[in-house]
Amino acid sequence: MAGTQKFRIKLFADGADLQEIIQEYKKGIVRGFTTNPTLMKKAGVKNYEEFAKSALKAIPDLPISFEVFSDDFTEMEREAKKVALWGNNVYIKIPITNTKKESSIPLIRKLSHDGLKINVTAILTYDQVKSAFDALSSTTPAIISVFAGRIADTGVDPVPIMTQSSKLLRSTPNIELLWASSRELLNLFQAEQCGCQIITITNDILKKLSLVGKSLDELSLDTVKMFYDDAHSSGYKIL
């Protein structure tokens, strides 16, 4: 696909439609996958373990992140250890807090130092990045997922937070910074400039990669043609 070779950052597909996941894998563009309960609900997933194992059977050689569901840390630990057994390429998504705003850091520290690959998720502040970074093992692979899109939804520019976080993680290559909740293709360029190692991209945004490098004059003309064709095919007239 046009434009993909110029990026150093790794593209991860974010979704829970198994057929779309397999299609993206076969294209050879994305280098990992992430899911979450909301995406699975939207995709109509009924059996979590069955879905996860089907995905892992189809994709045995790229990282895939699966989330725990419990709000209780003891049960969360049990779930994490079970999910970790599903495959060597599995990362377990642990939210930075539970719904009671209780910190997950003690559990993250324990699991990471026990050798489990952790994807710390639902992070929106630099302080959360710092606490996750300090808790993670310096040798076990891990991901820190900052929801840059949700930061932007509040009217705050996520770039300074992502840049500061990237500098923090620079000395520990096993811990990667992920730009999550992308809203547009521009986020791909921003994430790379910030020094992020990974960005999650939905299928709808991935489809826009073919536009990278396209002349804006040509895109303007395409837009005019689209408006004209739609008006003509709809039979609109100004009498």
C-alpha atoms as a PDB file:
ATOM      1  CA  MET A   1       0.000   0.000   0.000  1.00  0.00           C
ATOM      2  CA  ALA A   2       1.335   3.449  -0.918  1.00  0.00           C
ATOM      3  CA  GLY A   3       3.102   5.420   1.757  1.00  0.00           C
ATOM      4  CA  THR A   4       3.671   2.675   4.318  1.00  0.00           C
ATOM      5  CA  GLN A   5       7.386   2.122   3.696  1.00  0.00           C
ATOM      6  CA  LYS A   6       8.403   5.593   4.884  1.00  0.00           C
ATOM      7  CA  PHE A   7       7.310   5.019   8.486  1.00  0.00           C
ATOM      8  CA  ARG A   8       9.574   3.578  11.174  1.00  0.00           C
ATOM      9  CA  ILE A   9       6.740   3.313  13.678  1.00  0.00           C
ATOM     10  CA  LYS A  10       4.952  -0.035  13.927  1.00  0.00           C
ATOM     11  CA  LEU A  11       1.304  -0.100  12.906  1.00  0.00           C
ATOM     12  CA  PHE A  12      -1.006  -2.231  15.049  1.00  0.00           C
ATOM     13  CA  ALA A  13      -4.568  -2.922  13.892  1.00  0.00           C
ATOM     14  CA  ASP A  14      -7.191  -2.219  16.540  1.00  0.00           C
ATOM     15  CA  GLY A  15     -10.368  -4.269  16.243  1.00  0.00           C
ATOM     16  CA  ALA A  16     -12.243  -7.474  17.036  1.00  0.00           C
ATOM     17  CA  ASP A  17     -13.671  -8.619  13.724  1.00  0.00           C
ATOM     18  CA  LEU A  18     -11.796 -11.893  13.194  1.00  0.00           C
ATOM     19  CA  GLN A  19     -12.102 -11.871   9.409  1.00  0.00           C
ATOM     20  CA  GLU A  20     -10.806  -8.288   9.200  1.00  0.00           C
ATOM     21  CA  ILE A  21      -7.942  -9.194  11.543  1.00  0.00           C
ATOM     22  CA  ILE A  22      -6.940 -12.090   9.305  1.00  0.00           C
ATOM     23  CA  GLN A  23      -7.222  -9.915   6.191  1.00  0.00           C
ATOM     24  CA  GLU A  24      -4.930  -7.258   7.673  1.00  0.00           C
ATOM     25  CA  TYR A  25      -2.460  -9.949   8.715  1.00  0.00           C
ATOM     26  CA  LYS A  26      -2.317 -11.346   5.181  1.00  0.00           C
ATOM     27  CA  LYS A  27      -1.635  -7.885   3.727  1.00  0.00           C
ATOM     28  CA  GLY A  28       1.618  -7.819   5.682  1.00  0.00           C
ATOM     29  CA  ILE A  29       1.400  -4.151   6.645  1.00  0.00           C
ATOM     30  CA  VAL A  30       0.492  -4.239  10.330  1.00  0.00           C
ATOM     31  CA  ARG A  31       2.959  -5.640  12.851  1.00  0.00           C
ATOM     32  CA  GLY A  32       0.594  -6.407  15.709  1.00  0.00           C
ATOM     33  CA  PHE A  33      -2.997  -6.359  16.917  1.00  0.00           C
ATOM     34  CA  THR A  34      -4.949  -5.020  19.881  1.00  0.00           C
ATOM     35  CA  THR A  35      -8.485  -5.633  21.096  1.00  0.00           C
ATOM     36  CA  ASN A  36     -10.670  -4.428  23.950  1.00  0.00           C
ATOM     37  CA  PRO A  37     -14.067  -5.387  25.431  1.00  0.00           C
ATOM     38  CA  THR A  38     -15.867  -2.501  23.717  1.00  0.00           C
ATOM     39  CA  LEU A  39     -14.581  -3.498  20.279  1.00  0.00           C
ATOM     40  CA  MET A  40     -15.465  -7.135  20.945  1.00  0.00           C
ATOM     41  CA  LYS A  41     -18.996  -6.196  21.984  1.00  0.00           C
ATOM     42  CA  LYS A  42     -19.379  -4.099  18.830  1.00  0.00           C
ATOM     43  CA  ALA A  43     -18.116  -7.003  16.695  1.00  0.00           C
ATOM     44  CA  GLY A  44     -20.592  -9.403  18.316  1.00  0.00           C
ATOM     45  CA  VAL A  45     -18.003 -11.629  20.006  1.00  0.00           C
ATOM     46  CA  LYS A  46     -19.839 -14.066  22.271  1.00  0.00           C
ATOM     47  CA  ASN A  47     -17.041 -16.295  23.576  1.00  0.00           C
ATOM     48  CA  TYR A  48     -13.873 -14.404  24.513  1.00  0.00           C
ATOM     49  CA  GLU A  49     -11.526 -17.375  24.815  1.00  0.00           C
ATOM     50  CA  GLU A  50     -12.780 -18.935  21.590  1.00  0.00           C
ATOM     51  CA  PHE A  51     -12.295 -15.636  19.752  1.00  0.00           C
ATOM     52  CA  ALA A  52      -8.790 -15.141  21.176  1.00  0.00           C
ATOM     53  CA  LYS A  53      -7.605 -18.654  20.369  1.00  0.00           C
ATOM     54  CA  SER A  54      -8.984 -18.423  16.824  1.00  0.00           C
ATOM     55  CA  ALA A  55      -7.076 -15.174  16.327  1.00  0.00           C
ATOM     56  CA  LEU A  56      -3.887 -16.688  17.725  1.00  0.00           C
ATOM     57  CA  LYS A  57      -4.210 -19.755  15.518  1.00  0.00           C
ATOM     58  CA  ALA A  58      -4.400 -17.498  12.463  1.00  0.00           C
ATOM     59  CA  ILE A  59      -1.686 -15.120  13.710  1.00  0.00           C
ATOM     60  CA  PRO A  60       1.016 -17.041  15.606  1.00  0.00           C
ATOM     61  CA  ASP A  61       3.934 -14.676  15.005  1.00  0.00           C
ATOM     62  CA  LEU A  62       2.781 -11.120  15.764  1.00  0.00           C
ATOM     63  CA  PRO A  63       1.930  -9.568  19.145  1.00  0.00           C
ATOM     64  CA  ILE A  64      -1.751  -9.537  20.088  1.00  0.00           C
ATOM     65  CA  SER A  65      -3.116  -7.802  23.189  1.00  0.00           C
ATOM     66  CA  PHE A  66      -6.084  -9.256  25.085  1.00  0.00           C
ATOM     67  CA  GLU A  67      -7.638  -7.529  28.096  1.00  0.00           C
ATOM     68  CA  VAL A  68      -8.628  -8.819  31.521  1.00  0.00           C
ATOM     69  CA  PHE A  69     -12.204  -8.133  32.656  1.00  0.00           C
ATOM     70  CA  SER A  70     -12.276  -8.283  36.444  1.00  0.00           C
ATOM     71  CA  ASP A  71     -12.399  -5.231  38.704  1.00  0.00           C
ATOM     72  CA  ASP A  72     -10.872  -7.196  41.584  1.00  0.00           C
ATOM     73  CA  PHE A  73      -7.089  -7.417  41.539  1.00  0.00           C
ATOM     74  CA  THR A  74      -6.883 -10.986  42.819  1.00  0.00           C
ATOM     75  CA  GLU A  75      -9.227 -12.162  40.092  1.00  0.00           C
ATOM     76  CA  MET A  76      -7.477  -9.901  37.589  1.00  0.00           C
ATOM     77  CA  GLU A  77      -4.207 -11.680  38.356  1.00  0.00           C
ATOM     78  CA  ARG A  78      -5.821 -15.069  37.808  1.00  0.00           C
ATOM     79  CA  GLU A  79      -7.256 -13.931  34.475  1.00  0.00           C
ATOM     80  CA  ALA A  80      -3.931 -12.458  33.363  1.00  0.00           C
ATOM     81  CA  LYS A  81      -2.041 -15.671  34.072  1.00  0.00           C
ATOM     82  CA  LYS A  82      -4.625 -17.708  32.172  1.00  0.00           C
ATOM     83  CA  VAL A  83      -4.575 -15.388  29.146  1.00  0.00           C
ATOM     84  CA  ALA A  84      -0.766 -15.495  29.099  1.00  0.00           C
ATOM     85  CA  LEU A  85      -0.923 -19.260  28.531  1.00  0.00           C
ATOM     86  CA  TRP A  86      -2.826 -18.825  25.273  1.00  0.00           C
ATOM     87  CA  GLY A  87       0.303 -17.955  23.265  1.00  0.00           C
ATOM     88  CA  ASN A  88       3.868 -16.655  23.396  1.00  0.00           C
ATOM     89  CA  ASN A  89       2.841 -13.612  21.369  1.00  0.00           C
ATOM     90  CA  VAL A  90       0.133 -12.585  23.863  1.00  0.00           C
ATOM     91  CA  TYR A  91       0.283  -9.281  25.742  1.00  0.00           C
ATOM     92  CA  ILE A  92      -2.158  -8.924  28.638  1.00  0.00           C
ATOM     93  CA  LYS A  93      -3.922  -5.566  28.797  1.00  0.00           C
ATOM     94  CA  ILE A  94      -4.151  -4.289  32.377  1.00  0.00           C
ATOM     95  CA  PRO A  95      -5.951  -0.955  32.925  1.00  0.00           C
ATOM     96  CA  ILE A  96      -3.985   1.600  34.925  1.00  0.00           C
ATOM     97  CA  THR A  97      -6.739   1.577  37.598  1.00  0.00           C
ATOM     98  CA  ASN A  98      -9.904  -0.377  38.296  1.00  0.00           C
ATOM     99  CA  THR A  99     -13.345   1.278  38.242  1.00  0.00           C
ATOM    100  CA  LYS A 100     -12.901   2.349  41.875  1.00  0.00           C
ATOM    101  CA  LYS A 101      -9.828   4.380  40.849  1.00  0.00           C
ATOM    102  CA  GLU A 102      -7.601   1.963  42.789  1.00  0.00           C
ATOM    103  CA  SER A 103      -4.148   1.735  41.251  1.00  0.00           C
ATOM    104  CA  SER A 104      -3.211  -1.381  39.287  1.00  0.00           C
ATOM    105  CA  ILE A 105       0.489  -0.629  39.692  1.00  0.00           C
ATOM    106  CA  PRO A 106       1.204  -3.321  42.352  1.00  0.00           C
ATOM    107  CA  LEU A 107      -0.325  -5.982  40.101  1.00  0.00           C
ATOM    108  CA  ILE A 108       1.440  -4.641  37.011  1.00  0.00           C
ATOM    109  CA  ARG A 109       4.756  -4.766  38.858  1.00  0.00           C
ATOM    110  CA  LYS A 110       4.153  -8.329  40.032  1.00  0.00           C
ATOM    111  CA  LEU A 111       3.051  -9.705  36.676  1.00  0.00           C
ATOM    112  CA  SER A 112       5.787  -7.956  34.712  1.00  0.00           C
ATOM    113  CA  HIS A 113       8.527  -9.177  37.037  1.00  0.00           C
ATOM    114  CA  ASP A 114       7.027 -12.664  36.831  1.00  0.00           C
ATOM    115  CA  GLY A 115       7.738 -12.546  33.096  1.00  0.00           C
ATOM    116  CA  LEU A 116       4.273 -11.776  31.700  1.00  0.00           C
ATOM    117  CA  LYS A 117       4.108  -9.394  28.756  1.00  0.00           C
ATOM    118  CA  ILE A 118       1.922  -6.508  29.902  1.00  0.00           C
ATOM    119  CA  ASN A 119       0.140  -3.815  27.914  1.00  0.00           C
ATOM    120  CA  VAL A 120      -0.770  -1.117  30.423  1.00  0.00           C
ATOM    121  CA  THR A 121      -3.912   0.489  29.028  1.00  0.00           C
ATOM    122  CA  ALA A 122      -6.334   3.407  29.526  1.00  0.00           C
ATOM    123  CA  ILE A 123      -3.483   5.828  30.305  1.00  0.00           C
ATOM    124  CA  LEU A 124      -4.124   9.539  29.741  1.00  0.00           C
ATOM    125  CA  THR A 125      -1.564  11.415  31.866  1.00  0.00           C
ATOM    126  CA  TYR A 126       2.209  11.601  32.084  1.00  0.00           C
ATOM    127  CA  ASP A 127       2.083  10.716  35.779  1.00  0.00           C
ATOM    128  CA  GLN A 128       0.338   7.464  34.836  1.00  0.00           C
ATOM    129  CA  VAL A 129       3.013   6.782  32.225  1.00  0.00           C
ATOM    130  CA  LYS A 130       5.737   7.377  34.820  1.00  0.00           C
ATOM    131  CA  SER A 131       4.152   5.096  37.416  1.00  0.00           C
ATOM    132  CA  ALA A 132       3.676   2.313  34.847  1.00  0.00           C
ATOM    133  CA  PHE A 133       7.234   2.701  33.586  1.00  0.00           C
ATOM    134  CA  ASP A 134       8.652   2.514  37.105  1.00  0.00           C
ATOM    135  CA  ALA A 135       6.634  -0.643  37.826  1.00  0.00           C
ATOM    136  CA  LEU A 136       7.514  -2.607  34.691  1.00  0.00           C
ATOM    137  CA  SER A 137      10.457  -4.997  34.488  1.00  0.00           C
ATOM    138  CA  SER A 138      13.497  -3.666  32.638  1.00  0.00           C
ATOM    139  CA  THR A 139      13.837  -6.967  30.782  1.00  0.00           C
ATOM    140  CA  THR A 140      10.321  -8.292  30.090  1.00  0.00           C
ATOM    141  CA  PRO A 141       8.647  -6.916  26.923  1.00  0.00           C
ATOM    142  CA  ALA A 142       5.863  -4.455  27.719  1.00  0.00           C
ATOM    143  CA  ILE A 143       3.708  -1.763  26.131  1.00  0.00           C
ATOM    144  CA  ILE A 144       2.453   1.481  27.629  1.00  0.00           C
ATOM    145  CA  SER A 145      -0.713   2.539  25.790  1.00  0.00           C
ATOM    146  CA  VAL A 146      -1.519   6.235  26.021  1.00  0.00           C
ATOM    147  CA  PHE A 147      -4.948   7.146  24.679  1.00  0.00           C
ATOM    148  CA  ALA A 148      -3.801  10.188  22.746  1.00  0.00           C
ATOM    149  CA  GLY A 149      -7.088  10.425  20.852  1.00  0.00           C
ATOM    150  CA  ARG A 150      -9.063  10.664  24.072  1.00  0.00           C
ATOM    151  CA  ILE A 151      -6.659  13.335  25.333  1.00  0.00           C
ATOM    152  CA  ALA A 152      -7.365  15.312  22.147  1.00  0.00           C
ATOM    153  CA  ASP A 153     -11.108  14.821  22.661  1.00  0.00           C
ATOM    154  CA  THR A 154     -10.841  17.039  25.748  1.00  0.00           C
ATOM    155  CA  GLY A 155      -9.260  19.860  23.747  1.00  0.00           C
ATOM    156  CA  VAL A 156      -5.744  19.082  25.002  1.00  0.00           C
ATOM    157  CA  ASP A 157      -2.891  18.547  22.532  1.00  0.00           C
ATOM    158  CA  PRO A 158      -1.505  15.043  23.205  1.00  0.00           C
ATOM    159  CA  VAL A 159       1.807  15.676  21.430  1.00  0.00           C
ATOM    160  CA  PRO A 160       3.673  17.180  24.437  1.00  0.00           C
ATOM    161  CA  ILE A 161       2.609  14.258  26.682  1.00  0.00           C
ATOM    162  CA  MET A 162       3.627  11.708  24.061  1.00  0.00           C
ATOM    163  CA  THR A 163       6.966  13.424  23.442  1.00  0.00           C
ATOM    164  CA  GLN A 164       7.741  13.578  27.175  1.00  0.00           C
ATOM    165  CA  SER A 165       6.734   9.935  27.582  1.00  0.00           C
ATOM    166  CA  SER A 166       8.912   8.882  24.659  1.00  0.00           C
ATOM    167  CA  LYS A 167      11.947  10.524  26.254  1.00  0.00           C
ATOM    168  CA  LEU A 168      11.258   8.679  29.520  1.00  0.00           C
ATOM    169  CA  LEU A 169      11.106   5.287  27.798  1.00  0.00           C
ATOM    170  CA  ARG A 170      14.100   5.855  25.538  1.00  0.00           C
ATOM    171  CA  SER A 171      16.578   4.134  27.873  1.00  0.00           C
ATOM    172  CA  THR A 172      14.504   0.942  28.208  1.00  0.00           C
ATOM    173  CA  PRO A 173      13.966  -0.571  24.740  1.00  0.00           C
ATOM    174  CA  ASN A 174      11.860  -3.490  26.000  1.00  0.00           C
ATOM    175  CA  ILE A 175       9.106  -1.043  27.025  1.00  0.00           C
ATOM    176  CA  GLU A 176       7.364   0.461  24.001  1.00  0.00           C
ATOM    177  CA  LEU A 177       5.151   3.546  23.842  1.00  0.00           C
ATOM    178  CA  LEU A 178       1.868   3.111  21.978  1.00  0.00           C
ATOM    179  CA  TRP A 179      -0.262   5.974  20.610  1.00  0.00           C
ATOM    180  CA  ALA A 180      -3.796   4.664  21.150  1.00  0.00           C
ATOM    181  CA  SER A 181      -7.293   5.752  20.075  1.00  0.00           C
ATOM    182  CA  SER A 182      -6.180   7.278  16.785  1.00  0.00           C
ATOM    183  CA  ARG A 183      -8.739   9.564  15.208  1.00  0.00           C
ATOM    184  CA  GLU A 184      -7.192  10.346  11.812  1.00  0.00           C
ATOM    185  CA  LEU A 185      -4.244   9.492   9.591  1.00  0.00           C
ATOM    186  CA  LEU A 186      -2.408  12.632  10.737  1.00  0.00           C
ATOM    187  CA  ASN A 187      -1.960  10.870  14.106  1.00  0.00           C
ATOM    188  CA  LEU A 188       0.410   8.423  12.394  1.00  0.00           C
ATOM    189  CA  PHE A 189       2.764  11.258  11.469  1.00  0.00           C
ATOM    190  CA  GLN A 190       2.420  12.841  14.911  1.00  0.00           C
ATOM    191  CA  ALA A 191       3.134   9.572  16.707  1.00  0.00           C
ATOM    192  CA  GLU A 192       6.293   8.980  14.705  1.00  0.00           C
ATOM    193  CA  GLN A 193       7.528  12.531  15.284  1.00  0.00           C
ATOM    194  CA  CYS A 194       6.937  12.099  19.025  1.00  0.00           C
ATOM    195  CA  GLY A 195       9.112   8.979  19.070  1.00  0.00           C
ATOM    196  CA  CYS A 196       6.364   6.425  19.729  1.00  0.00           C
ATOM    197  CA  GLN A 197       7.271   2.871  18.772  1.00  0.00           C
ATOM    198  CA  ILE A 198       3.677   1.781  18.021  1.00  0.00           C
ATOM    199  CA  ILE A 199       0.374   3.286  16.932  1.00  0.00           C
ATOM    200  CA  THR A 200      -2.990   1.530  16.839  1.00  0.00           C
ATOM    201  CA  ILE A 201      -4.927   2.171  13.650  1.00  0.00           C
ATOM    202  CA  THR A 202      -8.491   1.117  12.873  1.00  0.00           C
ATOM    203  CA  ASN A 203      -9.309  -0.450   9.526  1.00  0.00           C
ATOM    204  CA  ASP A 204     -11.083   2.731   8.402  1.00  0.00           C
ATOM    205  CA  ILE A 205      -7.915   4.762   8.975  1.00  0.00           C
ATOM    206  CA  LEU A 206      -5.690   2.085   7.428  1.00  0.00           C
ATOM    207  CA  LYS A 207      -7.676   2.428   4.217  1.00  0.00           C
ATOM    208  CA  LYS A 208      -6.532   6.051   3.967  1.00  0.00           C
ATOM    209  CA  LEU A 209      -2.851   5.097   3.706  1.00  0.00           C
ATOM    210  CA  SER A 210      -3.212   5.162  -0.069  1.00  0.00           C
ATOM    211  CA  LEU A 211      -3.717   8.929   0.209  1.00  0.00           C
ATOM    212  CA  VAL A 212      -0.272   9.541   1.708  1.00  0.00           C
ATOM    213  CA  GLY A 213       1.740  11.673  -0.699  1.00  0.00           C
ATOM    214  CA  LYS A 214      -1.205  12.408  -2.971  1.00  0.00           C
ATOM    215  CA  SER A 215      -1.337  15.869  -4.526  1.00  0.00           C
ATOM    216  CA  LEU A 216      -3.789  18.114  -2.685  1.00  0.00           C
ATOM    217  CA  ASP A 217      -4.792  19.624  -6.034  1.00  0.00           C
ATOM    218  CA  GLU A 218      -5.721  16.138  -7.252  1.00  0.00           C
ATOM    219  CA  LEU A 219      -7.592  15.432  -4.033  1.00  0.00           C
ATOM    220  CA  SER A 220      -9.470  18.699  -4.439  1.00  0.00           C
ATOM    221  CA  LEU A 221     -10.492  17.683  -7.958  1.00  0.00           C
ATOM    222  CA  ASP A 222     -11.569  14.233  -6.722  1.00  0.00           C
ATOM    223  CA  THR A 223     -13.744  15.951  -4.116  1.00  0.00           C
ATOM    224  CA  VAL A 224     -15.389  18.180  -6.735  1.00  0.00           C
ATOM    225  CA  LYS A 225     -16.059  15.120  -8.914  1.00  0.00           C
ATOM    226  CA  MET A 226     -17.569  13.242  -5.976  1.00  0.00           C
ATOM    227  CA  PHE A 227     -19.972  16.088  -5.206  1.00  0.00           C
ATOM    228  CA  TYR A 228     -20.902  16.389  -8.879  1.00  0.00           C
ATOM    229  CA  ASP A 229     -21.448  12.648  -9.374  1.00  0.00           C
ATOM    230  CA  ASP A 230     -23.535  12.316  -6.210  1.00  0.00           C
ATOM    231  CA  ALA A 231     -25.710  15.291  -7.133  1.00  0.00           C
ATOM    232  CA  HIS A 232     -26.147  13.988 -10.684  1.00  0.00           C
ATOM    233  CA  SER A 233     -26.945  10.394  -9.657  1.00  0.00           C
ATOM    234  CA  SER A 234     -29.464  11.674  -7.090  1.00  0.00           C
ATOM    235  CA  GLY A 235     -31.286  13.753  -9.709  1.00  0.00           C
ATOM    236  CA  TYR A 236     -30.895  17.007  -7.770  1.00  0.00           C
ATOM    237  CA  LYS A 237     -31.891  20.195  -9.629  1.00  0.00           C
ATOM    238  CA  ILE A 238     -32.172  23.862  -8.818  1.00  0.00           C
ATOM    239  CA  LEU A 239     -35.277  25.141 -10.587  1.00  0.00           C
END
